[in-house]
C-alpha atoms as a PDB file:
ATOM      1  CA  MET A   1     109.315  94.124 110.698  1.00  0.00           C
ATOM      2  CA  SER A   2     110.312  91.506 108.171  1.00  0.00           C
ATOM      3  CA  SER A   3     109.546  87.919 109.016  1.00  0.00           C
ATOM      4  CA  GLN A   4     110.467  86.008 105.899  1.00  0.00           C
ATOM      5  CA  LEU A   5     112.771  83.556 107.662  1.00  0.00           C
ATOM      6  CA  GLN A   6     110.028  82.724 110.142  1.00  0.00           C
ATOM      7  CA  GLN A   7     107.700  81.638 107.332  1.00  0.00           C
ATOM      8  CA  VAL A   8     109.744  78.717 105.955  1.00  0.00           C
ATOM      9  CA  SER A   9     107.925  75.484 105.136  1.00  0.00           C
ATOM     10  CA  ASN A  10     108.937  72.332 103.334  1.00  0.00           C
ATOM     11  CA  ALA A  11     107.914  72.163  99.698  1.00  0.00           C
ATOM     12  CA  PRO A  12     105.365  69.458  98.768  1.00  0.00           C
ATOM     13  CA  SER A  13     106.957  66.215  97.590  1.00  0.00           C
ATOM     14  CA  SER A  14     105.640  66.819  94.054  1.00  0.00           C
ATOM     15  CA  TYR A  15     107.276  70.253  93.785  1.00  0.00           C
ATOM     16  CA  GLU A  16     109.835  69.936  91.003  1.00  0.00           C
ATOM     17  CA  LEU A  17     111.674  72.400  88.802  1.00  0.00           C
ATOM     18  CA  LEU A  18     113.857  71.526  85.826  1.00  0.00           C
ATOM     19  CA  PRO A  19     116.196  74.046  84.184  1.00  0.00           C
ATOM     20  CA  SER A  20     115.152  76.328  81.362  1.00  0.00           C
ATOM     21  CA  GLY A  21     117.584  76.752  78.539  1.00  0.00           C
ATOM     22  CA  ALA A  22     118.229  79.872  76.524  1.00  0.00           C
ATOM     23  CA  ASN A  23     115.577  78.758  74.040  1.00  0.00           C
ATOM     24  CA  PHE A  24     113.151  77.141  76.532  1.00  0.00           C
ATOM     25  CA  GLY A  25     113.795  73.835  74.781  1.00  0.00           C
ATOM     26  CA  GLU A  26     112.757  71.636  77.688  1.00  0.00           C
ATOM     27  CA  ASP A  27     109.284  70.254  78.229  1.00  0.00           C
ATOM     28  CA  SER A  28     107.193  73.096  79.615  1.00  0.00           C
ATOM     29  CA  SER A  29     105.464  70.675  81.958  1.00  0.00           C
ATOM     30  CA  SER A  30     108.743  70.069  83.824  1.00  0.00           C
ATOM     31  CA  LEU A  31     107.853  72.676  86.423  1.00  0.00           C
ATOM     32  CA  ALA A  32     105.272  71.023  88.630  1.00  0.00           C
ATOM     33  CA  PHE A  33     103.544  72.063  91.829  1.00  0.00           C
ATOM     34  CA  ASP A  34     100.658  69.630  92.139  1.00  0.00           C
ATOM     35  CA  VAL A  35      98.771  70.802  95.202  1.00  0.00           C
ATOM     36  CA  SER A  36      95.049  70.214  95.549  1.00  0.00           C
ATOM     37  CA  PHE A  37      92.773  73.186  96.174  1.00  0.00           C
ATOM     38  CA  SER A  38      89.050  73.317  96.667  1.00  0.00           C
ATOM     39  CA  ASN A  39      88.482  75.999  94.008  1.00  0.00           C
ATOM     40  CA  THR A  40      88.999  75.534  90.285  1.00  0.00           C
ATOM     41  CA  VAL A  41      90.027  78.091  87.695  1.00  0.00           C
ATOM     42  CA  GLY A  42      87.015  80.174  86.806  1.00  0.00           C
ATOM     43  CA  GLU A  43      85.427  80.172  90.240  1.00  0.00           C
ATOM     44  CA  PRO A  44      85.329  83.420  92.258  1.00  0.00           C
ATOM     45  CA  ASP A  45      88.315  84.143  94.423  1.00  0.00           C
ATOM     46  CA  ASN A  46      86.897  84.692  97.902  1.00  0.00           C
ATOM     47  CA  LEU A  47      90.093  85.439  99.788  1.00  0.00           C
ATOM     48  CA  CYS A  48      89.776  88.573 101.894  1.00  0.00           C
ATOM     49  CA  SER A  49      91.819  91.698 101.286  1.00  0.00           C
ATOM     50  CA  SER A  50      92.697  94.473 103.674  1.00  0.00           C
ATOM     51  CA  VAL A  51      91.868  97.059 101.000  1.00  0.00           C
ATOM     52  CA  PRO A  52      88.216  97.964 100.268  1.00  0.00           C
ATOM     53  CA  ARG A  53      87.476  97.621  96.572  1.00  0.00           C
ATOM     54  CA  SER A  54      84.754  98.762  94.208  1.00  0.00           C
ATOM     55  CA  PHE A  55      85.214  96.858  90.967  1.00  0.00           C
ATOM     56  CA  SER A  56      84.670  97.569  87.318  1.00  0.00           C
ATOM     57  CA  ARG A  57      84.554  94.561  85.014  1.00  0.00           C
ATOM     58  CA  ARG A  58      87.430  94.152  82.567  1.00  0.00           C
ATOM     59  CA  HIS A  59      86.327  92.269  79.447  1.00  0.00           C
ATOM     60  CA  GLN A  60      89.707  90.738  78.574  1.00  0.00           C
ATOM     61  CA  SER A  61      92.673  89.745  80.683  1.00  0.00           C
ATOM     62  CA  LEU A  62      95.591  89.628  78.235  1.00  0.00           C
ATOM     63  CA  ILE A  63      97.350  92.590  79.808  1.00  0.00           C
ATOM     64  CA  PHE A  64     100.861  91.106  79.585  1.00  0.00           C
ATOM     65  CA  PRO A  65     103.092  91.207  76.495  1.00  0.00           C
ATOM     66  CA  PRO A  66     103.510  87.801  74.785  1.00  0.00           C
ATOM     67  CA  THR A  67     107.197  87.646  75.748  1.00  0.00           C
ATOM     68  CA  LEU A  68     106.228  86.848  79.348  1.00  0.00           C
ATOM     69  CA  ALA A  69     105.275  83.363  78.105  1.00  0.00           C
ATOM     70  CA  TYR A  70     108.035  82.698  75.573  1.00  0.00           C
ATOM     71  CA  PRO A  71     111.379  84.155  74.417  1.00  0.00           C
ATOM     72  CA  PRO A  72     111.054  87.198  72.156  1.00  0.00           C
ATOM     73  CA  LEU A  73     111.623  86.719  68.444  1.00  0.00           C
ATOM     74  CA  ALA A  74     114.540  88.448  66.739  1.00  0.00           C
ATOM     75  CA  THR A  75     112.110  90.816  65.020  1.00  0.00           C
ATOM     76  CA  TYR A  76     110.585  91.974  68.341  1.00  0.00           C
ATOM     77  CA  PRO A  77     111.647  95.195  70.075  1.00  0.00           C
ATOM     78  CA  LYS A  78     114.389  94.604  72.652  1.00  0.00           C
ATOM     79  CA  THR A  79     113.568  93.074  76.028  1.00  0.00           C
ATOM     80  CA  HIS A  80     115.587  94.269  79.037  1.00  0.00           C
ATOM     81  CA  THR A  81     116.004  92.919  82.572  1.00  0.00           C
ATOM     82  CA  ILE A  82     116.981  94.337  85.971  1.00  0.00           C
ATOM     83  CA  ILE A  83     117.480  91.942  88.895  1.00  0.00           C
ATOM     84  CA  ILE A  84     117.561  93.485  92.389  1.00  0.00           C
ATOM     85  CA  SER A  85     118.237  90.779  94.986  1.00  0.00           C
ATOM     86  CA  ILE A  86     119.185  92.052  98.455  1.00  0.00           C
ATOM     87  CA  ALA A  87     119.596  89.140 100.869  1.00  0.00           C
ATOM     88  CA  LYS A  88     120.468  91.192 103.945  1.00  0.00           C
ATOM     89  CA  GLY A  89     120.217  94.954 103.495  1.00  0.00           C
ATOM     90  CA  ASP A  90     119.654  95.645 107.180  1.00  0.00           C
ATOM     91  CA  PRO A  91     122.692  94.525 109.251  1.00  0.00           C
ATOM     92  CA  SER A  92     120.394  93.846 112.209  1.00  0.00           C
ATOM     93  CA  GLU A  93     118.400  91.259 110.233  1.00  0.00           C
ATOM     94  CA  PRO A  94     119.443  87.716 109.217  1.00  0.00           C
ATOM     95  CA  THR A  95     120.320  86.910 105.631  1.00  0.00           C
ATOM     96  CA  LEU A  96     117.292  85.816 103.599  1.00  0.00           C
ATOM     97  CA  ALA A  97     118.143  82.343 102.332  1.00  0.00           C
ATOM     98  CA  GLY A  98     115.215  82.431  99.893  1.00  0.00           C
ATOM     99  CA  VAL A  99     116.636  85.488  98.138  1.00  0.00           C
ATOM    100  CA  GLU A 100     119.974  83.812  97.556  1.00  0.00           C
ATOM    101  CA  GLY A 101     118.306  80.521  96.621  1.00  0.00           C
ATOM    102  CA  ASP A 102     116.046  82.177  94.049  1.00  0.00           C
ATOM    103  CA  PHE A 103     118.827  83.979  92.201  1.00  0.00           C
ATOM    104  CA  PRO A 104     119.923  81.094  89.902  1.00  0.00           C
ATOM    105  CA  LEU A 105     116.284  80.447  88.953  1.00  0.00           C
ATOM    106  CA  ILE A 106     115.531  84.114  88.309  1.00  0.00           C
ATOM    107  CA  HIS A 107     118.765  84.590  86.399  1.00  0.00           C
ATOM    108  CA  ASP A 108     118.044  81.600  84.119  1.00  0.00           C
ATOM    109  CA  GLU A 109     114.391  82.464  83.509  1.00  0.00           C
ATOM    110  CA  LEU A 110     114.840  86.172  82.847  1.00  0.00           C
ATOM    111  CA  THR A 111     118.076  85.823  80.869  1.00  0.00           C
ATOM    112  CA  ALA A 112     116.175  83.491  78.516  1.00  0.00           C
ATOM    113  CA  ARG A 113     113.704  86.345  77.931  1.00  0.00           C
ATOM    114  CA  THR A 114     116.332  89.098  77.513  1.00  0.00           C
ATOM    115  CA  THR A 115     117.517  90.325  74.124  1.00  0.00           C
ATOM    116  CA  GLY A 116     118.744  93.717  75.321  1.00  0.00           C
ATOM    117  CA  THR A 117     120.466  94.815  78.524  1.00  0.00           C
ATOM    118  CA  LEU A 118     120.770  92.700  81.697  1.00  0.00           C
ATOM    119  CA  GLN A 119     121.621  94.623  84.890  1.00  0.00           C
ATOM    120  CA  VAL A 120     122.213  92.751  88.161  1.00  0.00           C
ATOM    121  CA  ILE A 121     122.233  94.295  91.648  1.00  0.00           C
ATOM    122  CA  THR A 122     122.947  91.971  94.595  1.00  0.00           C
ATOM    123  CA  ASP A 123     124.657  92.058  97.999  1.00  0.00           C
ATOM    124  CA  PHE A 124     125.990  88.492  97.748  1.00  0.00           C
ATOM    125  CA  PRO A 125     128.402  86.705  95.377  1.00  0.00           C
ATOM    126  CA  VAL A 126     126.819  84.937  92.407  1.00  0.00           C
ATOM    127  CA  SER A 127     128.196  82.305  90.066  1.00  0.00           C
ATOM    128  CA  LYS A 128     127.473  81.428  86.437  1.00  0.00           C
ATOM    129  CA  LEU A 129     126.400  84.956  85.596  1.00  0.00           C
ATOM    130  CA  SER A 130     125.454  85.559  81.971  1.00  0.00           C
ATOM    131  CA  PRO A 131     128.235  87.194  79.902  1.00  0.00           C
ATOM    132  CA  GLN A 132     125.792  89.943  78.928  1.00  0.00           C
ATOM    133  CA  ALA A 133     125.135  90.892  82.575  1.00  0.00           C
ATOM    134  CA  LYS A 134     126.347  94.184  83.984  1.00  0.00           C
ATOM    135  CA  THR A 135     126.764  94.071  87.776  1.00  0.00           C
ATOM    136  CA  LEU A 136     126.053  97.177  89.837  1.00  0.00           C
ATOM    137  CA  LEU A 137     126.548  98.096  93.490  1.00  0.00           C
ATOM    138  CA  PRO A 138     123.517  97.658  95.793  1.00  0.00           C
ATOM    139  CA  ASN A 139     122.775 101.328  96.452  1.00  0.00           C
ATOM    140  CA  LEU A 140     120.176 103.933  95.483  1.00  0.00           C
ATOM    141  CA  GLN A 141     122.305 105.444  92.725  1.00  0.00           C
ATOM    142  CA  SER A 142     122.733 102.095  90.978  1.00  0.00           C
ATOM    143  CA  ILE A 143     119.042 101.197  91.199  1.00  0.00           C
ATOM    144  CA  GLY A 144     117.946 104.591  89.912  1.00  0.00           C
ATOM    145  CA  ASP A 145     120.525 104.514  87.103  1.00  0.00           C
ATOM    146  CA  ALA A 146     119.525 100.988  86.075  1.00  0.00           C
ATOM    147  CA  ILE A 147     115.866 101.973  85.703  1.00  0.00           C
ATOM    148  CA  ARG A 148     116.701 105.235  83.928  1.00  0.00           C
ATOM    149  CA  ASN A 149     119.101 103.513  81.515  1.00  0.00           C
ATOM    150  CA  ALA A 150     116.537 100.848  80.675  1.00  0.00           C
ATOM    151  CA  GLY A 151     113.846 103.489  80.276  1.00  0.00           C
ATOM    152  CA  GLN A 152     115.907 105.386  77.719  1.00  0.00           C
ATOM    153  CA  LEU A 153     116.118 102.235  75.592  1.00  0.00           C
ATOM    154  CA  MET A 154     112.391 101.529  75.761  1.00  0.00           C
ATOM    155  CA  LYS A 155     109.973 102.193  72.920  1.00  0.00           C
ATOM    156  CA  ALA A 156     106.571 100.959  71.852  1.00  0.00           C
ATOM    157  CA  GLY A 157     106.563  97.176  72.078  1.00  0.00           C
ATOM    158  CA  SER A 158     109.613  96.964  74.346  1.00  0.00           C
ATOM    159  CA  THR A 159     109.529  95.109  77.671  1.00  0.00           C
ATOM    160  CA  CYS A 160     111.659  95.517  80.788  1.00  0.00           C
ATOM    161  CA  TYR A 161     111.484  92.936  83.575  1.00  0.00           C
ATOM    162  CA  ILE A 162     112.409  94.097  87.065  1.00  0.00           C
ATOM    163  CA  TYR A 163     112.687  91.411  89.736  1.00  0.00           C
ATOM    164  CA  ILE A 164     112.943  92.637  93.348  1.00  0.00           C
ATOM    165  CA  SER A 165     113.512  90.564  96.486  1.00  0.00           C
ATOM    166  CA  GLY A 166     114.786  91.333  99.973  1.00  0.00           C
ATOM    167  CA  HIS A 167     113.737  92.686 103.367  1.00  0.00           C
ATOM    168  CA  VAL A 168     110.924  95.247 103.217  1.00  0.00           C
ATOM    169  CA  TYR A 169     109.529  97.167 106.190  1.00  0.00           C
ATOM    170  CA  GLN A 170     106.340  99.159 106.668  1.00  0.00           C
ATOM    171  CA  ASP A 171     106.651 102.774 107.739  1.00  0.00           C
ATOM    172  CA  SER A 172     102.866 103.301 107.631  1.00  0.00           C
ATOM    173  CA  PRO A 173      99.864 101.010 107.082  1.00  0.00           C
ATOM    174  CA  GLN A 174     100.126 101.501 103.311  1.00  0.00           C
ATOM    175  CA  THR A 175     103.756 102.461 102.542  1.00  0.00           C
ATOM    176  CA  SER A 176     106.928 100.384 102.718  1.00  0.00           C
ATOM    177  CA  PHE A 177     110.668 100.610 102.045  1.00  0.00           C
ATOM    178  CA  MET A 178     113.643  98.317 101.428  1.00  0.00           C
ATOM    179  CA  PRO A 179     116.860  98.827 103.442  1.00  0.00           C
ATOM    180  CA  LEU A 180     120.042  98.681 101.354  1.00  0.00           C
ATOM    181  CA  PRO A 181     123.568  97.579 102.385  1.00  0.00           C
ATOM    182  CA  SER A 182     124.746 101.134 101.721  1.00  0.00           C
ATOM    183  CA  GLY A 183     122.714 102.322 104.719  1.00  0.00           C
ATOM    184  CA  GLU A 184     120.193 103.966 102.394  1.00  0.00           C
ATOM    185  CA  ARG A 185     116.551 102.999 101.990  1.00  0.00           C
ATOM    186  CA  LEU A 186     114.711 102.364  98.765  1.00  0.00           C
ATOM    187  CA  ASP A 187     111.372 104.033  99.355  1.00  0.00           C
ATOM    188  CA  GLY A 188     108.448 102.579  97.446  1.00  0.00           C
ATOM    189  CA  LYS A 189     107.264 106.017  96.313  1.00  0.00           C
ATOM    190  CA  GLU A 190     110.678 106.878  94.906  1.00  0.00           C
ATOM    191  CA  LEU A 191     110.865 103.531  93.127  1.00  0.00           C
ATOM    192  CA  MET A 192     107.461 104.102  91.542  1.00  0.00           C
ATOM    193  CA  SER A 193     108.500 107.576  90.415  1.00  0.00           C
ATOM    194  CA  TRP A 194     111.514 106.106  88.600  1.00  0.00           C
ATOM    195  CA  LEU A 195     109.406 103.362  87.022  1.00  0.00           C
ATOM    196  CA  LYS A 196     106.736 105.715  85.729  1.00  0.00           C
ATOM    197  CA  THR A 197     109.354 108.073  84.310  1.00  0.00           C
ATOM    198  CA  GLY A 198     111.082 105.157  82.597  1.00  0.00           C
ATOM    199  CA  ALA A 199     107.808 103.927  81.133  1.00  0.00           C
ATOM    200  CA  SER A 200     107.054 107.358  79.689  1.00  0.00           C
ATOM    201  CA  HIS A 201     109.309 106.502  76.731  1.00  0.00           C
ATOM    202  CA  GLY A 202     106.993 103.633  75.757  1.00  0.00           C
ATOM    203  CA  GLY A 203     106.809  99.896  76.259  1.00  0.00           C
ATOM    204  CA  THR A 204     105.963  97.903  79.383  1.00  0.00           C
ATOM    205  CA  PHE A 205     107.806  97.552  82.686  1.00  0.00           C
ATOM    206  CA  ILE A 206     106.864  94.273  84.388  1.00  0.00           C
ATOM    207  CA  VAL A 207     107.792  94.380  88.084  1.00  0.00           C
ATOM    208  CA  ILE A 208     107.992  91.083  89.972  1.00  0.00           C
ATOM    209  CA  ALA A 209     108.316  91.752  93.715  1.00  0.00           C
ATOM    210  CA  ASP A 210     108.705  88.828  96.120  1.00  0.00           C
ATOM    211  CA  VAL A 211     108.850  90.826  99.360  1.00  0.00           C
ATOM    212  CA  CYS A 212     106.861  91.411 102.532  1.00  0.00           C
ATOM    213  CA  TYR A 213     104.199  94.159 102.367  1.00  0.00           C
ATOM    214  CA  ALA A 214     104.547  94.207  98.579  1.00  0.00           C
ATOM    215  CA  ALA A 215     101.267  96.048  97.906  1.00  0.00           C
ATOM    216  CA  GLY A 216     102.506  98.928 100.055  1.00  0.00           C
ATOM    217  CA  PHE A 217     105.960  98.883  98.482  1.00  0.00           C
ATOM    218  CA  ILE A 218     104.778  98.893  94.850  1.00  0.00           C
ATOM    219  CA  ARG A 219     101.685 101.112  94.790  1.00  0.00           C
ATOM    220  CA  MET A 220      99.745 101.357  91.534  1.00  0.00           C
ATOM    221  CA  PRO A 221      96.633 103.317  90.537  1.00  0.00           C
ATOM    222  CA  TYR A 222      94.716 100.174  89.521  1.00  0.00           C
ATOM    223  CA  ILE A 223      94.402  96.887  91.419  1.00  0.00           C
ATOM    224  CA  TYR A 224      93.117  93.764  89.687  1.00  0.00           C
ATOM    225  CA  ASP A 225      91.043  90.995  91.220  1.00  0.00           C
ATOM    226  CA  VAL A 226      88.917  88.053  90.086  1.00  0.00           C
ATOM    227  CA  ASN A 227      85.172  88.149  90.600  1.00  0.00           C
ATOM    228  CA  GLY A 228      82.844  85.529  89.175  1.00  0.00           C
ATOM    229  CA  GLY A 229      85.666  84.129  87.078  1.00  0.00           C
ATOM    230  CA  SER A 230      86.408  87.457  85.344  1.00  0.00           C
ATOM    231  CA  LEU A 231      89.171  89.998  85.817  1.00  0.00           C
ATOM    232  CA  SER A 232      88.083  93.288  87.387  1.00  0.00           C
ATOM    233  CA  TRP A 233      89.907  96.368  88.574  1.00  0.00           C
ATOM    234  CA  SER A 234      89.504  98.938  91.304  1.00  0.00           C
ATOM    235  CA  LYS A 235      91.027 102.388  91.712  1.00  0.00           C
ATOM    236  CA  SER A 236      93.482 102.747  94.559  1.00  0.00           C
ATOM    237  CA  SER A 237      94.412 105.912  96.455  1.00  0.00           C
ATOM    238  CA  GLU A 238      97.535 106.245  94.313  1.00  0.00           C
ATOM    239  CA  ASN A 239      97.157 109.434  92.277  1.00  0.00           C
ATOM    240  CA  GLN A 240     100.458 109.800  90.452  1.00  0.00           C
ATOM    241  CA  VAL A 241      99.917 110.659  86.793  1.00  0.00           C
ATOM    242  CA  GLN A 242     101.023 108.056  84.242  1.00  0.00           C
ATOM    243  CA  GLY A 243     102.154 109.134  80.785  1.00  0.00           C
ATOM    244  CA  GLN A 244     100.345 107.851  77.724  1.00  0.00           C
ATOM    245  CA  ASN A 245     103.350 106.206  76.039  1.00  0.00           C
ATOM    246  CA  GLY A 246     104.106 103.267  78.322  1.00  0.00           C
ATOM    247  CA  GLN A 247     102.854 101.288  81.293  1.00  0.00           C
ATOM    248  CA  VAL A 248     103.945  99.498  84.460  1.00  0.00           C
ATOM    249  CA  ILE A 249     102.431  96.161  85.553  1.00  0.00           C
ATOM    250  CA  ALA A 250     103.310  94.651  88.931  1.00  0.00           C
ATOM    251  CA  LEU A 251     103.162  91.040  90.085  1.00  0.00           C
ATOM    252  CA  LEU A 252     103.285  91.178  93.882  1.00  0.00           C
ATOM    253  CA  SER A 253     103.750  88.358  96.380  1.00  0.00           C
ATOM    254  CA  THR A 254     101.773  89.921  99.252  1.00  0.00           C
ATOM    255  CA  ASP A 255      99.004  92.328 100.161  1.00  0.00           C
ATOM    256  CA  TYR A 256      99.330  95.059 102.800  1.00  0.00           C
ATOM    257  CA  ASN A 257     100.371  93.832 106.267  1.00  0.00           C
ATOM    258  CA  GLN A 258     101.467  90.412 104.984  1.00  0.00           C
ATOM    259  CA  SER A 259     104.788  88.581 105.124  1.00  0.00           C
ATOM    260  CA  THR A 260     106.056  86.666 102.133  1.00  0.00           C
ATOM    261  CA  ALA A 261     106.546  82.892 102.342  1.00  0.00           C
ATOM    262  CA  THR A 262     109.703  80.832 101.855  1.00  0.00           C
ATOM    263  CA  ILE A 263     109.837  77.121 101.056  1.00  0.00           C
ATOM    264  CA  ASP A 264     112.629  74.590 101.477  1.00  0.00           C
ATOM    265  CA  CYS A 265     113.114  72.401  98.415  1.00  0.00           C
ATOM    266  CA  GLY A 266     115.808  70.292 100.070  1.00  0.00           C
ATOM    267  CA  THR A 267     118.412  68.865  97.717  1.00  0.00           C
ATOM    268  CA  LYS A 268     116.279  68.844  94.564  1.00  0.00           C
ATOM    269  CA  GLU A 269     118.258  69.881  91.522  1.00  0.00           C
ATOM    270  CA  PRO A 270     118.785  72.145  89.682  1.00  0.00           C
ATOM    271  CA  TYR A 271     117.643  74.718  92.253  1.00  0.00           C
ATOM    272  CA  PRO A 272     117.995  73.161  95.737  1.00  0.00           C
ATOM    273  CA  GLY A 273     117.526  74.911  99.056  1.00  0.00           C
ATOM    274  CA  HIS A 274     115.255  77.811 100.018  1.00  0.00           C
ATOM    275  CA  HIS A 275     113.054  79.679  97.559  1.00  0.00           C
ATOM    276  CA  GLY A 276     110.233  82.182  97.540  1.00  0.00           C
ATOM    277  CA  LEU A 277     106.895  80.379  97.261  1.00  0.00           C
ATOM    278  CA  PHE A 278     105.575  83.197  95.067  1.00  0.00           C
ATOM    279  CA  THR A 279     108.576  83.088  92.711  1.00  0.00           C
ATOM    280  CA  PHE A 280     108.269  79.339  92.158  1.00  0.00           C
ATOM    281  CA  ALA A 281     104.490  79.463  91.715  1.00  0.00           C
ATOM    282  CA  LEU A 282     104.834  82.323  89.213  1.00  0.00           C
ATOM    283  CA  PHE A 283     107.279  80.543  86.938  1.00  0.00           C
ATOM    284  CA  ASN A 284     105.319  77.332  87.373  1.00  0.00           C
ATOM    285  CA  TYR A 285     102.494  79.057  85.534  1.00  0.00           C
ATOM    286  CA  ILE A 286     104.180  81.214  82.911  1.00  0.00           C
ATOM    287  CA  ARG A 287     106.485  78.470  81.596  1.00  0.00           C
ATOM    288  CA  LYS A 288     103.431  76.400  80.669  1.00  0.00           C
ATOM    289  CA  GLN A 289     101.758  79.091  78.564  1.00  0.00           C
ATOM    290  CA  PRO A 290     102.183  78.435  74.820  1.00  0.00           C
ATOM    291  CA  LEU A 291     101.085  81.836  73.546  1.00  0.00           C
ATOM    292  CA  GLN A 292     100.251  84.502  76.124  1.00  0.00           C
ATOM    293  CA  VAL A 293      99.785  84.781  79.880  1.00  0.00           C
ATOM    294  CA  ASP A 294      96.178  85.283  80.948  1.00  0.00           C
ATOM    295  CA  ALA A 295      96.030  87.545  84.015  1.00  0.00           C
ATOM    296  CA  THR A 296      92.845  85.979  85.412  1.00  0.00           C
ATOM    297  CA  ASN A 297      94.233  82.448  85.432  1.00  0.00           C
ATOM    298  CA  LEU A 298      97.633  83.630  86.636  1.00  0.00           C
ATOM    299  CA  LEU A 299      96.142  85.445  89.631  1.00  0.00           C
ATOM    300  CA  LEU A 300      94.012  82.430  90.548  1.00  0.00           C
ATOM    301  CA  HIS A 301      97.044  80.164  90.211  1.00  0.00           C
ATOM    302  CA  LEU A 302      99.227  82.355  92.434  1.00  0.00           C
ATOM    303  CA  ARG A 303      96.588  82.693  95.144  1.00  0.00           C
ATOM    304  CA  LYS A 304      95.710  79.032  95.260  1.00  0.00           C
ATOM    305  CA  HIS A 305      99.339  77.958  95.466  1.00  0.00           C
ATOM    306  CA  SER A 306     100.012  80.586  98.131  1.00  0.00           C
ATOM    307  CA  ALA A 307      97.000  79.354 100.097  1.00  0.00           C
ATOM    308  CA  TRP A 308      98.850  76.076 100.583  1.00  0.00           C
ATOM    309  CA  HIS A 309     101.264  77.849 102.941  1.00  0.00           C
ATOM    310  CA  PRO A 310     100.167  78.296 106.600  1.00  0.00           C
ATOM    311  CA  SER A 311     100.671  82.079 106.429  1.00  0.00           C
ATOM    312  CA  GLN A 312      98.461  82.306 103.293  1.00  0.00           C
ATOM    313  CA  PRO A 313      99.954  85.372 101.597  1.00  0.00           C
ATOM    314  CA  ARG A 314      97.651  86.966  99.016  1.00  0.00           C
ATOM    315  CA  PRO A 315      99.421  87.795  95.725  1.00  0.00           C
ATOM    316  CA  GLN A 316      98.347  90.876  93.800  1.00  0.00           C
ATOM    317  CA  ILE A 317      98.425  92.193  90.238  1.00  0.00           C
ATOM    318  CA  SER A 318      98.318  95.972  89.842  1.00  0.00           C
ATOM    319  CA  ALA A 319      99.123  98.432  87.093  1.00  0.00           C
ATOM    320  CA  THR A 320      99.194 102.001  85.856  1.00  0.00           C
ATOM    321  CA  ILE A 321      96.478 101.108  83.326  1.00  0.00           C
ATOM    322  CA  GLU A 322      92.819 100.158  83.673  1.00  0.00           C
END
């Protein structure tokens, strides 16, 4: 079952977020989440995982394209975005306030990084949508078409961001699905099949999933972790073949059997109300990076900020590449 609404906590008093413009002109330090943790960047991450791992050391951790940290230059290949925000999905479940609350933030941040297509799939009304956005119905056909259309535009050097939030359920210890308002279900295996096909044209799909049971919903062949201050990877049980032309990298809010966390930011502008803890912590980090996002430091940042919450979700980074 999904329990996102049962995991709401107040944000720390120092938790602030100022708007990002189309050119990221504001001070990058304006996004602040100053919470004290016992570990420091570079120390081993000792949080437990439900998945046994045997690690191989990765010698560098710059696995993300530079455009994750700053807007792409005009000379760069096009960057595309798909936003999938489903606040209810299952009529028997309550509306997820964090999903609706995160949309303006996600829209502003990802639109600032988009030079190509912007496709938006929601089950709630949105305001101040970018003129370049194409809105689609929240059903399987629209989601599949959005990924296929973006994939056809991808080439070497291209990036496509896919942000996913909503109710997610487990149908086995290691597989999950998202119910849609159409009465259909978005199965994690089907989603991964679409992503890997889209990436076969080249470029990088970056999936950001702020959902319960995220590691079972977005299953990748390689799972990254931090050991002794260095990024390492382990092979999962996922055996789908990935083409050689492109790749998929996933930033996930939770491990198997974990619920995602929601925070209440009160009346703080410009994004008041409920938000995903993972989503805020993620953009807290990437907006401060002047050149490129380092996966080791990002993973440590996400886990330490998530550890502040009583439910202590364990964010993951996984990929179709070693």
